Amino acid sequence: MKLTPEIAKARFLPETVHKRDVFSETISGQLDGVPDLPVVLRKLDGVPLWARPVAWWLARKEIRGLRAVQGIEGCPLLIRADRTGLLRSWTKGTPLQLARPSDPAWYRDARRLLREMRRAGVTHNDIAKPQNWLMTPEGRAAVIDFQLATVHRRRGRLFRTMAREDLRHLLKQKRAYAPELLTPSEHRMLKRKALPARIWMATVKPAYNFVTRRLMNWSDGEGTEDRIERDGPALRTALLAHPEVSDVALCTYALPAKGVGLYAFVETGLEADALAKLAPAPRPELIQPVAALPRHADGTPRMDLLQLVATNRLDELEEVLKQDPDLERGLKPLIAQRLNLTDRILR
């Protein structure tokens, strides 16, 4: 859809909070009078004062990146940026860790997307995360989250190195979900990490992890505090000590205000009140007893599905369940009894 002045000025109608962290809040919705253009707002006006410099630094990088990739199939459309935050088109698709593409056509299209971004002088710099890649309903590749993107004025060595790393990170996704499609040259490329990447991993990344995870209690995997790592072991031990508890799966979700909740799915015949009494402090915000957890073929819990239930991301969950009617029937009671509706609550 072409961006017109009327669309750029249309009032944003919020619907669903998808992600909330100290640097922004991500809310999907639509524009008043433009029902066929779903949009998403990276809301910044509620960011704490101490975090605003970093939040707006990230936002400005995203704004520059989105402006540079306008018109590229598979990239979001920047609609406007103001004091509230930045508004862009919503890209309909399934995150890669859920879509798990095995079709060579998807990987060819993903390489096409990176080539066009490279021609525009843009490197994404954050596509090692599978959640930043999408498979659209048409089977095409798309990328989101340009907060770390760089728009290069010169096509020198740094640009070529960063573009190569984008491609190498795409190949890492290919290795994870369709390793049989990797060519010998792609195998060789995966083994050769660029020098800046090696320096980053050896120096900056440990410091980054220390500041965000230890000092700020924040994890960039889904923009949440790492409650599972901090509170999970004691909780699991206490619950599994009861003979009527057979398994525990823990997820996080955004609270209505700032903060992160811990959601415990407990495979048991006990009621939630009884489970709450077993849980040590700090207790999880939500405990949902379930007759049976969804599981992989090897017996491990389907954490991907449980995370979607915990965060009330029913649209994404529906896309996954369409591919497996048997799984849908088994998961239906768990979904119906879900306890978190906070992605429908706005501050």
C-alpha atoms as a PDB file:
ATOM      1  CA  MET A   1       0.000   0.000   0.000  1.00  0.00           C
ATOM      2  CA  LYS A   2       1.252   3.473  -0.888  1.00  0.00           C
ATOM      3  CA  LEU A   3       1.708   5.884   2.002  1.00  0.00           C
ATOM      4  CA  THR A   4      -0.510   8.937   1.580  1.00  0.00           C
ATOM      5  CA  PRO A   5      -0.772  12.066   3.767  1.00  0.00           C
ATOM      6  CA  GLU A   6      -4.183  10.872   4.964  1.00  0.00           C
ATOM      7  CA  ILE A   7      -2.753   7.533   6.102  1.00  0.00           C
ATOM      8  CA  ALA A   8       0.253   9.184   7.749  1.00  0.00           C
ATOM      9  CA  LYS A   9      -2.045  11.428   9.820  1.00  0.00           C
ATOM     10  CA  ALA A  10      -4.715   8.829  10.669  1.00  0.00           C
ATOM     11  CA  ARG A  11      -5.389   8.175  14.347  1.00  0.00           C
ATOM     12  CA  PHE A  12      -3.869   4.993  15.763  1.00  0.00           C
ATOM     13  CA  LEU A  13      -6.380   2.615  17.378  1.00  0.00           C
ATOM     14  CA  PRO A  14      -4.489   0.299  19.763  1.00  0.00           C
ATOM     15  CA  GLU A  15      -5.523  -3.324  20.175  1.00  0.00           C
ATOM     16  CA  THR A  16      -2.833  -5.671  21.491  1.00  0.00           C
ATOM     17  CA  VAL A  17       0.340  -5.254  23.526  1.00  0.00           C
ATOM     18  CA  HIS A  18       2.875  -7.724  22.153  1.00  0.00           C
ATOM     19  CA  LYS A  19       6.027  -6.771  23.995  1.00  0.00           C
ATOM     20  CA  ARG A  20       6.987  -4.483  26.845  1.00  0.00           C
ATOM     21  CA  ASP A  21      10.436  -3.714  28.167  1.00  0.00           C
ATOM     22  CA  VAL A  22      12.329  -0.815  29.676  1.00  0.00           C
ATOM     23  CA  PHE A  23      13.061   0.701  26.252  1.00  0.00           C
ATOM     24  CA  SER A  24       9.635   0.568  24.584  1.00  0.00           C
ATOM     25  CA  GLU A  25       6.203  -0.977  24.370  1.00  0.00           C
ATOM     26  CA  THR A  26       5.090  -2.656  21.148  1.00  0.00           C
ATOM     27  CA  ILE A  27       1.367  -2.366  20.403  1.00  0.00           C
ATOM     28  CA  SER A  28      -0.461  -3.550  17.312  1.00  0.00           C
ATOM     29  CA  GLY A  29      -3.687  -2.046  16.056  1.00  0.00           C
ATOM     30  CA  GLN A  30      -5.127  -0.236  13.081  1.00  0.00           C
ATOM     31  CA  LEU A  31      -5.535   3.250  11.712  1.00  0.00           C
ATOM     32  CA  ASP A  32      -8.873   4.985  11.966  1.00  0.00           C
ATOM     33  CA  GLY A  33     -10.524   4.716   8.564  1.00  0.00           C
ATOM     34  CA  VAL A  34      -7.836   2.417   7.130  1.00  0.00           C
ATOM     35  CA  PRO A  35      -8.960  -1.094   8.159  1.00  0.00           C
ATOM     36  CA  ASP A  36      -6.903  -2.894   5.521  1.00  0.00           C
ATOM     37  CA  LEU A  37      -3.547  -1.654   6.857  1.00  0.00           C
ATOM     38  CA  PRO A  38      -2.645  -3.313  10.180  1.00  0.00           C
ATOM     39  CA  VAL A  39       0.012  -1.349  12.021  1.00  0.00           C
ATOM     40  CA  VAL A  40       2.275  -1.573  15.046  1.00  0.00           C
ATOM     41  CA  LEU A  41       3.432   1.227  17.336  1.00  0.00           C
ATOM     42  CA  ARG A  42       6.751   1.218  19.163  1.00  0.00           C
ATOM     43  CA  LYS A  43       5.556   3.383  22.049  1.00  0.00           C
ATOM     44  CA  LEU A  44       8.254   5.483  23.698  1.00  0.00           C
ATOM     45  CA  ASP A  45       6.455   8.185  25.658  1.00  0.00           C
ATOM     46  CA  GLY A  46       6.157   5.937  28.717  1.00  0.00           C
ATOM     47  CA  VAL A  47       9.848   5.054  28.904  1.00  0.00           C
ATOM     48  CA  PRO A  48      11.545   5.976  32.219  1.00  0.00           C
ATOM     49  CA  LEU A  49      13.628   9.147  32.067  1.00  0.00           C
ATOM     50  CA  TRP A  50      16.890   7.315  32.688  1.00  0.00           C
ATOM     51  CA  ALA A  51      16.250   4.957  29.751  1.00  0.00           C
ATOM     52  CA  ARG A  52      15.054   7.539  27.220  1.00  0.00           C
ATOM     53  CA  PRO A  53      18.464   8.378  25.695  1.00  0.00           C
ATOM     54  CA  VAL A  54      19.066   4.728  24.802  1.00  0.00           C
ATOM     55  CA  ALA A  55      15.433   4.174  23.782  1.00  0.00           C
ATOM     56  CA  TRP A  56      15.477   7.095  21.361  1.00  0.00           C
ATOM     57  CA  TRP A  57      18.925   6.168  20.063  1.00  0.00           C
ATOM     58  CA  LEU A  58      17.505   2.762  19.133  1.00  0.00           C
ATOM     59  CA  ALA A  59      14.371   4.383  17.712  1.00  0.00           C
ATOM     60  CA  ARG A  60      16.366   6.776  15.532  1.00  0.00           C
ATOM     61  CA  LYS A  61      18.362   3.856  14.140  1.00  0.00           C
ATOM     62  CA  GLU A  62      15.116   2.066  13.339  1.00  0.00           C
ATOM     63  CA  ILE A  63      13.627   5.159  11.700  1.00  0.00           C
ATOM     64  CA  ARG A  64      16.686   5.636   9.482  1.00  0.00           C
ATOM     65  CA  GLY A  65      16.726   1.965   8.584  1.00  0.00           C
ATOM     66  CA  LEU A  66      13.029   1.809   7.728  1.00  0.00           C
ATOM     67  CA  ARG A  67      13.243   4.922   5.580  1.00  0.00           C
ATOM     68  CA  ALA A  68      16.131   3.408   3.649  1.00  0.00           C
ATOM     69  CA  VAL A  69      14.350   0.109   2.918  1.00  0.00           C
ATOM     70  CA  GLN A  70      10.999   1.575   1.874  1.00  0.00           C
ATOM     71  CA  GLY A  71       9.652  -0.282  -1.135  1.00  0.00           C
ATOM     72  CA  ILE A  72      11.604  -3.478  -0.507  1.00  0.00           C
ATOM     73  CA  GLU A  73       9.283  -6.476  -0.422  1.00  0.00           C
ATOM     74  CA  GLY A  74       9.458  -8.025   3.045  1.00  0.00           C
ATOM     75  CA  CYS A  75      10.375  -4.840   4.942  1.00  0.00           C
ATOM     76  CA  PRO A  76       7.930  -2.817   7.073  1.00  0.00           C
ATOM     77  CA  LEU A  77       6.536   0.507   5.907  1.00  0.00           C
ATOM     78  CA  LEU A  78       7.333   3.451   8.190  1.00  0.00           C
ATOM     79  CA  ILE A  79       4.143   5.472   8.592  1.00  0.00           C
ATOM     80  CA  ARG A  80       5.239   8.193  10.992  1.00  0.00           C
ATOM     81  CA  ALA A  81       7.521   9.021  13.897  1.00  0.00           C
ATOM     82  CA  ASP A  82       6.622  11.522  16.606  1.00  0.00           C
ATOM     83  CA  ARG A  83       6.900  12.035  20.363  1.00  0.00           C
ATOM     84  CA  THR A  84       4.694   9.021  21.009  1.00  0.00           C
ATOM     85  CA  GLY A  85       7.037   6.720  19.142  1.00  0.00           C
ATOM     86  CA  LEU A  86       7.281   5.253  15.678  1.00  0.00           C
ATOM     87  CA  LEU A  87       4.420   3.705  13.762  1.00  0.00           C
ATOM     88  CA  ARG A  88       5.001   1.146  11.028  1.00  0.00           C
ATOM     89  CA  SER A  89       3.029  -1.398   9.075  1.00  0.00           C
ATOM     90  CA  TRP A  90       2.381  -4.761  10.699  1.00  0.00           C
ATOM     91  CA  THR A  91       4.007  -7.620   8.833  1.00  0.00           C
ATOM     92  CA  LYS A  92       1.744 -10.634   8.880  1.00  0.00           C
ATOM     93  CA  GLY A  93       3.712 -13.815   9.271  1.00  0.00           C
ATOM     94  CA  THR A  94       4.974 -16.577  11.526  1.00  0.00           C
ATOM     95  CA  PRO A  95       8.282 -16.163  13.407  1.00  0.00           C
ATOM     96  CA  LEU A  96      10.963 -18.467  12.113  1.00  0.00           C
ATOM     97  CA  GLN A  97      11.287 -20.531  15.280  1.00  0.00           C
ATOM     98  CA  LEU A  98       7.635 -21.483  14.809  1.00  0.00           C
ATOM     99  CA  ALA A  99       7.470 -21.664  11.010  1.00  0.00           C
ATOM    100  CA  ARG A 100      10.681 -23.733  10.776  1.00  0.00           C
ATOM    101  CA  PRO A 101      10.867 -23.381   6.956  1.00  0.00           C
ATOM    102  CA  SER A 102      12.170 -26.341   4.993  1.00  0.00           C
ATOM    103  CA  ASP A 103      11.284 -25.067   1.514  1.00  0.00           C
ATOM    104  CA  PRO A 104      14.332 -23.864  -0.471  1.00  0.00           C
ATOM    105  CA  ALA A 105      12.138 -21.107  -1.930  1.00  0.00           C
ATOM    106  CA  TRP A 106      11.928 -19.347   1.438  1.00  0.00           C
ATOM    107  CA  TYR A 107      15.711 -19.226   1.797  1.00  0.00           C
ATOM    108  CA  ARG A 108      16.119 -17.988  -1.779  1.00  0.00           C
ATOM    109  CA  ASP A 109      13.642 -15.214  -1.046  1.00  0.00           C
ATOM    110  CA  ALA A 110      15.444 -14.362   2.190  1.00  0.00           C
ATOM    111  CA  ARG A 111      18.703 -13.969   0.253  1.00  0.00           C
ATOM    112  CA  ARG A 112      16.871 -11.777  -2.255  1.00  0.00           C
ATOM    113  CA  LEU A 113      15.702  -9.603   0.629  1.00  0.00           C
ATOM    114  CA  LEU A 114      19.233  -9.232   2.000  1.00  0.00           C
ATOM    115  CA  ARG A 115      20.554  -8.360  -1.477  1.00  0.00           C
ATOM    116  CA  GLU A 116      18.005  -5.574  -1.865  1.00  0.00           C
ATOM    117  CA  MET A 117      18.791  -4.245   1.599  1.00  0.00           C
ATOM    118  CA  ARG A 118      22.479  -4.304   0.711  1.00  0.00           C
ATOM    119  CA  ARG A 119      21.786  -2.309  -2.464  1.00  0.00           C
ATOM    120  CA  ALA A 120      20.026   0.251  -0.264  1.00  0.00           C
ATOM    121  CA  GLY A 121      23.123   0.433   1.931  1.00  0.00           C
ATOM    122  CA  VAL A 122      21.411  -1.146   4.942  1.00  0.00           C
ATOM    123  CA  THR A 123      22.600  -3.910   7.229  1.00  0.00           C
ATOM    124  CA  HIS A 124      20.131  -5.284   9.753  1.00  0.00           C
ATOM    125  CA  ASN A 125      22.668  -6.486  12.355  1.00  0.00           C
ATOM    126  CA  ASP A 126      20.101  -8.407  14.426  1.00  0.00           C
ATOM    127  CA  ILE A 127      18.859 -11.280  12.286  1.00  0.00           C
ATOM    128  CA  ALA A 128      20.671 -13.905  14.289  1.00  0.00           C
ATOM    129  CA  LYS A 129      17.399 -13.891  16.264  1.00  0.00           C
ATOM    130  CA  PRO A 130      14.859 -16.152  14.535  1.00  0.00           C
ATOM    131  CA  GLN A 131      12.007 -13.997  15.851  1.00  0.00           C
ATOM    132  CA  ASN A 132      13.206 -11.165  13.595  1.00  0.00           C
ATOM    133  CA  TRP A 133      12.583 -13.334  10.523  1.00  0.00           C
ATOM    134  CA  LEU A 134       9.038 -14.119   9.401  1.00  0.00           C
ATOM    135  CA  MET A 135       7.424 -16.470   6.942  1.00  0.00           C
ATOM    136  CA  THR A 136       4.468 -14.669   5.395  1.00  0.00           C
ATOM    137  CA  PRO A 137       1.198 -16.461   4.567  1.00  0.00           C
ATOM    138  CA  GLU A 138       2.419 -16.530   0.944  1.00  0.00           C
ATOM    139  CA  GLY A 139       5.603 -18.322   1.973  1.00  0.00           C
ATOM    140  CA  ARG A 140       7.799 -15.251   1.435  1.00  0.00           C
ATOM    141  CA  ALA A 141      10.554 -13.957   3.696  1.00  0.00           C
ATOM    142  CA  ALA A 142      10.197 -10.816   5.805  1.00  0.00           C
ATOM    143  CA  VAL A 143      12.290  -9.085   8.459  1.00  0.00           C
ATOM    144  CA  ILE A 144      11.269  -6.878  11.369  1.00  0.00           C
ATOM    145  CA  ASP A 145      12.888  -4.967  14.253  1.00  0.00           C
ATOM    146  CA  PHE A 146      15.367  -2.528  12.707  1.00  0.00           C
ATOM    147  CA  GLN A 147      16.515  -1.073  16.048  1.00  0.00           C
ATOM    148  CA  LEU A 148      20.121  -2.100  15.453  1.00  0.00           C
ATOM    149  CA  ALA A 149      20.142  -1.509  11.694  1.00  0.00           C
ATOM    150  CA  THR A 150      22.846   0.643  10.120  1.00  0.00           C
ATOM    151  CA  VAL A 151      22.473   2.835   7.047  1.00  0.00           C
ATOM    152  CA  HIS A 152      25.920   3.051   5.467  1.00  0.00           C
ATOM    153  CA  ARG A 153      27.003   6.130   3.539  1.00  0.00           C
ATOM    154  CA  ARG A 154      30.001   4.298   2.139  1.00  0.00           C
ATOM    155  CA  ARG A 155      30.222   0.763   0.799  1.00  0.00           C
ATOM    156  CA  GLY A 156      33.635   0.135   2.309  1.00  0.00           C
ATOM    157  CA  ARG A 157      35.106  -2.759   4.239  1.00  0.00           C
ATOM    158  CA  LEU A 158      32.912  -2.251   7.314  1.00  0.00           C
ATOM    159  CA  PHE A 159      29.750  -2.314   5.204  1.00  0.00           C
ATOM    160  CA  ARG A 160      30.852  -5.444   3.361  1.00  0.00           C
ATOM    161  CA  THR A 161      31.752  -7.155   6.632  1.00  0.00           C
ATOM    162  CA  MET A 162      28.411  -6.342   8.261  1.00  0.00           C
ATOM    163  CA  ALA A 163      26.490  -7.392   5.145  1.00  0.00           C
ATOM    164  CA  ARG A 164      28.399 -10.675   5.156  1.00  0.00           C
ATOM    165  CA  GLU A 165      27.459 -11.209   8.799  1.00  0.00           C
ATOM    166  CA  ASP A 166      23.784 -10.664   7.936  1.00  0.00           C
ATOM    167  CA  LEU A 167      24.085 -13.396   5.327  1.00  0.00           C
ATOM    168  CA  ARG A 168      25.968 -15.679   7.717  1.00  0.00           C
ATOM    169  CA  HIS A 169      23.211 -15.233  10.293  1.00  0.00           C
ATOM    170  CA  LEU A 170      20.644 -16.219   7.670  1.00  0.00           C
ATOM    171  CA  LEU A 171      22.684 -19.358   7.039  1.00  0.00           C
ATOM    172  CA  LYS A 172      22.578 -20.078  10.775  1.00  0.00           C
ATOM    173  CA  GLN A 173      18.784 -20.131  10.524  1.00  0.00           C
ATOM    174  CA  LYS A 174      19.072 -22.439   7.529  1.00  0.00           C
ATOM    175  CA  ARG A 175      21.369 -24.717   9.509  1.00  0.00           C
ATOM    176  CA  ALA A 176      18.854 -24.793  12.364  1.00  0.00           C
ATOM    177  CA  TYR A 177      15.729 -25.528  10.319  1.00  0.00           C
ATOM    178  CA  ALA A 178      16.871 -27.015   7.011  1.00  0.00           C
ATOM    179  CA  PRO A 179      20.485 -28.207   7.366  1.00  0.00           C
ATOM    180  CA  GLU A 180      20.118 -30.566   4.416  1.00  0.00           C
ATOM    181  CA  LEU A 181      19.787 -27.524   2.125  1.00  0.00           C
ATOM    182  CA  LEU A 182      23.188 -26.054   3.024  1.00  0.00           C
ATOM    183  CA  THR A 183      25.743 -26.079   0.219  1.00  0.00           C
ATOM    184  CA  PRO A 184      29.469 -26.753   0.772  1.00  0.00           C
ATOM    185  CA  SER A 185      30.271 -23.056   0.339  1.00  0.00           C
ATOM    186  CA  GLU A 186      27.608 -22.141   2.900  1.00  0.00           C
ATOM    187  CA  HIS A 187      29.098 -24.630   5.357  1.00  0.00           C
ATOM    188  CA  ARG A 188      32.469 -22.934   4.886  1.00  0.00           C
ATOM    189  CA  MET A 189      30.961 -19.492   5.385  1.00  0.00           C
ATOM    190  CA  LEU A 190      29.344 -20.563   8.640  1.00  0.00           C
ATOM    191  CA  LYS A 191      32.735 -21.586   9.980  1.00  0.00           C
ATOM    192  CA  ARG A 192      34.353 -18.224   9.182  1.00  0.00           C
ATOM    193  CA  LYS A 193      33.066 -15.650  11.632  1.00  0.00           C
ATOM    194  CA  ALA A 194      34.179 -12.108  10.771  1.00  0.00           C
ATOM    195  CA  LEU A 195      36.826 -10.476  12.969  1.00  0.00           C
ATOM    196  CA  PRO A 196      34.479  -7.716  14.278  1.00  0.00           C
ATOM    197  CA  ALA A 197      31.990 -10.413  15.280  1.00  0.00           C
ATOM    198  CA  ARG A 198      34.698 -12.328  17.129  1.00  0.00           C
ATOM    199  CA  ILE A 199      35.803  -9.158  18.911  1.00  0.00           C
ATOM    200  CA  TRP A 200      32.178  -8.372  19.830  1.00  0.00           C
ATOM    201  CA  MET A 201      31.628 -11.838  21.276  1.00  0.00           C
ATOM    202  CA  ALA A 202      34.859 -11.698  23.260  1.00  0.00           C
ATOM    203  CA  THR A 203      34.566  -8.163  24.642  1.00  0.00           C
ATOM    204  CA  VAL A 204      31.317  -6.231  24.207  1.00  0.00           C
ATOM    205  CA  LYS A 205      28.803  -9.098  24.437  1.00  0.00           C
ATOM    206  CA  PRO A 206      29.856 -10.250  27.942  1.00  0.00           C
ATOM    207  CA  ALA A 207      29.604  -6.663  29.212  1.00  0.00           C
ATOM    208  CA  TYR A 208      26.243  -6.226  27.477  1.00  0.00           C
ATOM    209  CA  ASN A 209      24.918  -9.413  29.065  1.00  0.00           C
ATOM    210  CA  PHE A 210      26.184  -8.357  32.491  1.00  0.00           C
ATOM    211  CA  VAL A 211      24.500  -4.946  32.336  1.00  0.00           C
ATOM    212  CA  THR A 212      21.195  -6.111  30.860  1.00  0.00           C
ATOM    213  CA  ARG A 213      20.773  -9.444  32.619  1.00  0.00           C
ATOM    214  CA  ARG A 214      22.497  -8.905  35.947  1.00  0.00           C
ATOM    215  CA  LEU A 215      22.098  -5.191  36.663  1.00  0.00           C
ATOM    216  CA  MET A 216      18.809  -4.604  34.829  1.00  0.00           C
ATOM    217  CA  ASN A 217      17.351  -8.124  35.167  1.00  0.00           C
ATOM    218  CA  TRP A 218      16.473  -7.901  31.487  1.00  0.00           C
ATOM    219  CA  SER A 219      16.810 -10.346  28.625  1.00  0.00           C
ATOM    220  CA  ASP A 220      16.683  -9.343  24.965  1.00  0.00           C
ATOM    221  CA  GLY A 221      15.207 -12.640  23.822  1.00  0.00           C
ATOM    222  CA  GLU A 222      11.670 -11.333  24.148  1.00  0.00           C
ATOM    223  CA  GLY A 223      12.248  -8.072  25.919  1.00  0.00           C
ATOM    224  CA  THR A 224      11.554  -9.537  29.353  1.00  0.00           C
ATOM    225  CA  GLU A 225      13.259  -9.823  32.690  1.00  0.00           C
ATOM    226  CA  ASP A 226      14.759 -13.271  33.030  1.00  0.00           C
ATOM    227  CA  ARG A 227      12.410 -14.453  35.757  1.00  0.00           C
ATOM    228  CA  ILE A 228      12.785 -18.074  34.699  1.00  0.00           C
ATOM    229  CA  GLU A 229      16.518 -18.112  35.329  1.00  0.00           C
ATOM    230  CA  ARG A 230      16.209 -16.302  38.637  1.00  0.00           C
ATOM    231  CA  ASP A 231      13.084 -17.829  40.207  1.00  0.00           C
ATOM    232  CA  GLY A 232      12.496 -20.948  38.132  1.00  0.00           C
ATOM    233  CA  PRO A 233      14.781 -23.542  39.750  1.00  0.00           C
ATOM    234  CA  ALA A 234      13.346 -23.179  43.263  1.00  0.00           C
ATOM    235  CA  LEU A 235       9.788 -23.118  41.928  1.00  0.00           C
ATOM    236  CA  ARG A 236      10.245 -26.250  39.845  1.00  0.00           C
ATOM    237  CA  THR A 237      11.874 -28.101  42.739  1.00  0.00           C
ATOM    238  CA  ALA A 238       9.062 -27.209  45.137  1.00  0.00           C
ATOM    239  CA  LEU A 239       6.255 -28.149  42.756  1.00  0.00           C
ATOM    240  CA  LEU A 240       7.822 -31.362  41.475  1.00  0.00           C
ATOM    241  CA  ALA A 241       8.341 -32.529  45.055  1.00  0.00           C
ATOM    242  CA  HIS A 242       4.585 -33.160  45.254  1.00  0.00           C
ATOM    243  CA  PRO A 243       3.647 -36.663  44.072  1.00  0.00           C
ATOM    244  CA  GLU A 244       0.680 -35.394  42.060  1.00  0.00           C
ATOM    245  CA  VAL A 245       2.786 -32.992  39.980  1.00  0.00           C
ATOM    246  CA  SER A 246       4.357 -34.674  36.966  1.00  0.00           C
ATOM    247  CA  ASP A 247       5.898 -31.701  35.137  1.00  0.00           C
ATOM    248  CA  VAL A 248       6.274 -27.909  35.203  1.00  0.00           C
ATOM    249  CA  ALA A 249       6.788 -25.518  32.289  1.00  0.00           C
ATOM    250  CA  LEU A 250       7.625 -21.866  32.950  1.00  0.00           C
ATOM    251  CA  CYS A 251       7.080 -18.871  30.671  1.00  0.00           C
ATOM    252  CA  THR A 252       7.195 -15.096  31.048  1.00  0.00           C
ATOM    253  CA  TYR A 253       4.709 -12.448  29.963  1.00  0.00           C
ATOM    254  CA  ALA A 254       4.329  -8.668  30.119  1.00  0.00           C
ATOM    255  CA  LEU A 255       2.448  -7.278  33.103  1.00  0.00           C
ATOM    256  CA  PRO A 256      -0.118  -4.500  32.555  1.00  0.00           C
ATOM    257  CA  ALA A 257       2.354  -1.973  33.956  1.00  0.00           C
ATOM    258  CA  LYS A 258       6.131  -2.169  33.825  1.00  0.00           C
ATOM    259  CA  GLY A 259       7.461  -5.547  34.778  1.00  0.00           C
ATOM    260  CA  VAL A 260       7.385  -9.199  33.868  1.00  0.00           C
ATOM    261  CA  GLY A 261       5.172 -11.953  35.180  1.00  0.00           C
ATOM    262  CA  LEU A 262       6.040 -15.604  35.602  1.00  0.00           C
ATOM    263  CA  TYR A 263       3.483 -18.058  34.212  1.00  0.00           C
ATOM    264  CA  ALA A 264       3.639 -21.672  35.417  1.00  0.00           C
ATOM    265  CA  PHE A 265       1.925 -24.463  33.490  1.00  0.00           C
ATOM    266  CA  VAL A 266       1.726 -27.417  35.876  1.00  0.00           C
ATOM    267  CA  GLU A 267       0.829 -30.921  34.729  1.00  0.00           C
ATOM    268  CA  THR A 268      -1.218 -32.124  37.675  1.00  0.00           C
ATOM    269  CA  GLY A 269      -4.623 -33.007  39.047  1.00  0.00           C
ATOM    270  CA  LEU A 270      -4.318 -30.405  41.806  1.00  0.00           C
ATOM    271  CA  GLU A 271      -6.203 -27.118  41.791  1.00  0.00           C
ATOM    272  CA  ALA A 272      -4.463 -23.770  41.329  1.00  0.00           C
ATOM    273  CA  ASP A 273      -5.004 -22.790  44.983  1.00  0.00           C
ATOM    274  CA  ALA A 274      -3.229 -25.908  46.184  1.00  0.00           C
ATOM    275  CA  LEU A 275      -0.348 -25.282  43.790  1.00  0.00           C
ATOM    276  CA  ALA A 276      -0.017 -21.693  44.987  1.00  0.00           C
ATOM    277  CA  LYS A 277       0.505 -22.945  48.536  1.00  0.00           C
ATOM    278  CA  LEU A 278       3.313 -25.207  47.334  1.00  0.00           C
ATOM    279  CA  ALA A 279       5.126 -22.428  45.468  1.00  0.00           C
ATOM    280  CA  PRO A 280       7.963 -20.665  47.312  1.00  0.00           C
ATOM    281  CA  ALA A 281       8.367 -16.895  47.374  1.00  0.00           C
ATOM    282  CA  PRO A 282       8.536 -15.059  45.084  1.00  0.00           C
ATOM    283  CA  ARG A 283       5.502 -16.883  43.740  1.00  0.00           C
ATOM    284  CA  PRO A 284       4.621 -16.886  40.047  1.00  0.00           C
ATOM    285  CA  GLU A 285       1.920 -14.424  39.113  1.00  0.00           C
ATOM    286  CA  LEU A 286      -0.065 -17.118  37.313  1.00  0.00           C
ATOM    287  CA  ILE A 287      -0.304 -20.872  37.882  1.00  0.00           C
ATOM    288  CA  GLN A 288      -2.391 -22.893  35.448  1.00  0.00           C
ATOM    289  CA  PRO A 289      -2.965 -26.573  36.189  1.00  0.00           C
ATOM    290  CA  VAL A 290      -3.236 -28.651  33.013  1.00  0.00           C
ATOM    291  CA  ALA A 291      -4.156 -32.264  32.436  1.00  0.00           C
ATOM    292  CA  ALA A 292      -1.329 -32.694  29.927  1.00  0.00           C
ATOM    293  CA  LEU A 293       1.335 -30.409  28.510  1.00  0.00           C
ATOM    294  CA  PRO A 294       1.772 -30.319  24.724  1.00  0.00           C
ATOM    295  CA  ARG A 295       4.929 -32.235  23.850  1.00  0.00           C
ATOM    296  CA  HIS A 296       7.412 -32.870  21.075  1.00  0.00           C
ATOM    297  CA  ALA A 297       7.940 -36.384  19.761  1.00  0.00           C
ATOM    298  CA  ASP A 298      10.852 -36.793  22.195  1.00  0.00           C
ATOM    299  CA  GLY A 299       8.572 -36.035  25.154  1.00  0.00           C
ATOM    300  CA  THR A 300       9.847 -32.546  25.971  1.00  0.00           C
ATOM    301  CA  PRO A 301       7.218 -29.793  26.468  1.00  0.00           C
ATOM    302  CA  ARG A 302       6.334 -27.602  23.487  1.00  0.00           C
ATOM    303  CA  MET A 303       7.672 -24.393  25.002  1.00  0.00           C
ATOM    304  CA  ASP A 304       7.054 -22.526  21.749  1.00  0.00           C
ATOM    305  CA  LEU A 305       3.310 -23.158  22.035  1.00  0.00           C
ATOM    306  CA  LEU A 306       3.175 -22.544  25.775  1.00  0.00           C
ATOM    307  CA  GLN A 307       4.956 -19.208  25.351  1.00  0.00           C
ATOM    308  CA  LEU A 308       2.329 -18.151  22.820  1.00  0.00           C
ATOM    309  CA  VAL A 309      -0.435 -19.113  25.255  1.00  0.00           C
ATOM    310  CA  ALA A 310       1.296 -17.356  28.151  1.00  0.00           C
ATOM    311  CA  THR A 311       1.640 -14.129  26.163  1.00  0.00           C
ATOM    312  CA  ASN A 312      -1.865 -14.447  24.681  1.00  0.00           C
ATOM    313  CA  ARG A 313      -0.528 -14.332  21.121  1.00  0.00           C
ATOM    314  CA  LEU A 314      -3.461 -16.220  19.717  1.00  0.00           C
ATOM    315  CA  ASP A 315      -3.007 -15.085  16.121  1.00  0.00           C
ATOM    316  CA  GLU A 316       0.445 -16.667  15.930  1.00  0.00           C
ATOM    317  CA  LEU A 317      -0.793 -19.729  17.782  1.00  0.00           C
ATOM    318  CA  GLU A 318      -3.608 -20.157  15.282  1.00  0.00           C
ATOM    319  CA  GLU A 319      -1.129 -20.168  12.392  1.00  0.00           C
ATOM    320  CA  VAL A 320       0.831 -22.994  14.016  1.00  0.00           C
ATOM    321  CA  LEU A 321      -2.208 -25.077  14.934  1.00  0.00           C
ATOM    322  CA  LYS A 322      -3.617 -24.911  11.412  1.00  0.00           C
ATOM    323  CA  GLN A 323      -0.828 -27.251  10.394  1.00  0.00           C
ATOM    324  CA  ASP A 324      -1.684 -29.877  13.036  1.00  0.00           C
ATOM    325  CA  PRO A 325      -5.402 -30.512  13.766  1.00  0.00           C
ATOM    326  CA  ASP A 326      -4.596 -33.212  16.341  1.00  0.00           C
ATOM    327  CA  LEU A 327      -2.431 -30.784  18.283  1.00  0.00           C
ATOM    328  CA  GLU A 328      -5.173 -28.177  18.081  1.00  0.00           C
ATOM    329  CA  ARG A 329      -7.705 -30.533  19.667  1.00  0.00           C
ATOM    330  CA  GLY A 330      -5.346 -31.382  22.510  1.00  0.00           C
ATOM    331  CA  LEU A 331      -4.383 -27.776  23.150  1.00  0.00           C
ATOM    332  CA  LYS A 332      -7.889 -26.314  22.967  1.00  0.00           C
ATOM    333  CA  PRO A 333      -8.738 -26.804  26.696  1.00  0.00           C
ATOM    334  CA  LEU A 334      -5.417 -25.283  27.743  1.00  0.00           C
ATOM    335  CA  ILE A 335      -6.037 -22.235  25.548  1.00  0.00           C
ATOM    336  CA  ALA A 336      -9.608 -21.852  26.782  1.00  0.00           C
ATOM    337  CA  GLN A 337      -8.436 -21.802  30.409  1.00  0.00           C
ATOM    338  CA  ARG A 338      -5.476 -19.454  29.857  1.00  0.00           C
ATOM    339  CA  LEU A 339      -4.999 -16.930  32.623  1.00  0.00           C
ATOM    340  CA  ASN A 340      -3.139 -14.052  30.992  1.00  0.00           C
ATOM    341  CA  LEU A 341      -5.130 -11.474  29.089  1.00  0.00           C
ATOM    342  CA  THR A 342      -2.734  -8.610  29.760  1.00  0.00           C
ATOM    343  CA  ASP A 343      -1.827  -8.133  26.123  1.00  0.00           C
ATOM    344  CA  ARG A 344      -5.356  -6.757  25.835  1.00  0.00           C
ATOM    345  CA  ILE A 345      -4.746  -4.211  28.610  1.00  0.00           C
ATOM    346  CA  LEU A 346      -3.128  -0.883  27.763  1.00  0.00           C
ATOM    347  CA  ARG A 347      -1.553   1.598  30.139  1.00  0.00           C
END
